Protein backbone atom coordinates (compact mmCIF):
# COMPACT_ATOMS: atom_id res chain seq x y z
CA MET A 1 6.11 50.79 -32.51
CA LYS A 2 9.01 52.88 -32.68
CA GLN A 3 9.89 52.77 -29.52
CA ASN A 4 10.19 49.11 -29.68
CA LEU A 5 12.49 49.45 -32.81
CA GLY A 6 15.52 48.71 -30.84
CA ILE A 7 14.57 45.90 -28.81
CA ILE A 8 12.55 44.40 -32.04
CA LEU A 9 16.43 44.65 -34.29
CA ILE A 10 17.73 43.12 -30.48
CA VAL A 11 15.78 40.07 -30.68
CA LEU A 12 15.94 39.70 -34.91
CA GLY A 13 19.54 39.70 -33.98
CA ALA A 14 19.37 37.08 -31.52
CA LEU A 15 16.95 34.78 -33.40
CA MET A 16 19.28 34.83 -36.41
CA LEU A 17 22.92 33.79 -34.59
CA ILE A 18 20.48 31.11 -33.07
CA ILE A 19 19.08 30.45 -36.16
CA SER A 20 22.27 30.07 -37.68
CA TYR A 21 23.88 27.73 -34.78
CA PHE A 22 21.06 24.72 -35.37
CA ALA A 23 21.01 25.38 -38.90
CA ASP A 24 24.67 25.13 -38.92
CA LEU A 25 25.55 27.98 -40.45
CA MET A 26 28.19 28.83 -38.10
CA ASP A 27 30.91 28.74 -40.71
CA TYR A 28 29.68 31.67 -42.44
CA ASN A 29 30.87 34.86 -41.34
CA PHE A 30 28.80 37.15 -43.15
CA TYR A 31 25.60 35.86 -41.37
CA ASN A 32 27.16 36.14 -38.21
CA ILE A 33 28.60 39.76 -39.08
CA GLY A 34 25.25 40.59 -40.44
CA ALA A 35 23.08 39.33 -37.09
CA LEU A 36 26.14 41.79 -35.19
CA ILE A 37 25.10 44.49 -37.04
CA ILE A 38 21.53 44.02 -36.55
CA ILE A 39 21.87 43.72 -32.93
CA ILE A 40 24.00 47.13 -32.47
CA ALA A 41 22.23 48.60 -35.02
CA GLY A 42 18.92 47.74 -32.56
CA ILE A 43 20.97 49.12 -29.49
CA VAL A 44 22.21 52.21 -30.52
CA THR A 45 18.88 53.09 -31.78
CA HIS A 46 17.02 51.81 -28.45
CA ILE A 47 19.46 54.39 -26.99
CA ILE A 48 18.88 57.43 -29.14
CA VAL A 49 14.93 57.34 -29.28
CA THR A 50 14.67 56.16 -25.45
CA LYS A 51 16.92 59.80 -24.78
CA ARG A 52 14.28 61.87 -27.04
CA SER A 53 11.31 60.69 -25.39
């Protein structure tokens, strides 16, 4: 589970962006910025976990 944490965060952020598109939430910047932060955290987490193992 620990090795997949980064991938899970990336997918969660992408799903948030997809949901915001279809639910007409594209005008709310805090929602999109939150999804972007989750995606970036997922990428960084994936790199760190992959380097350590």
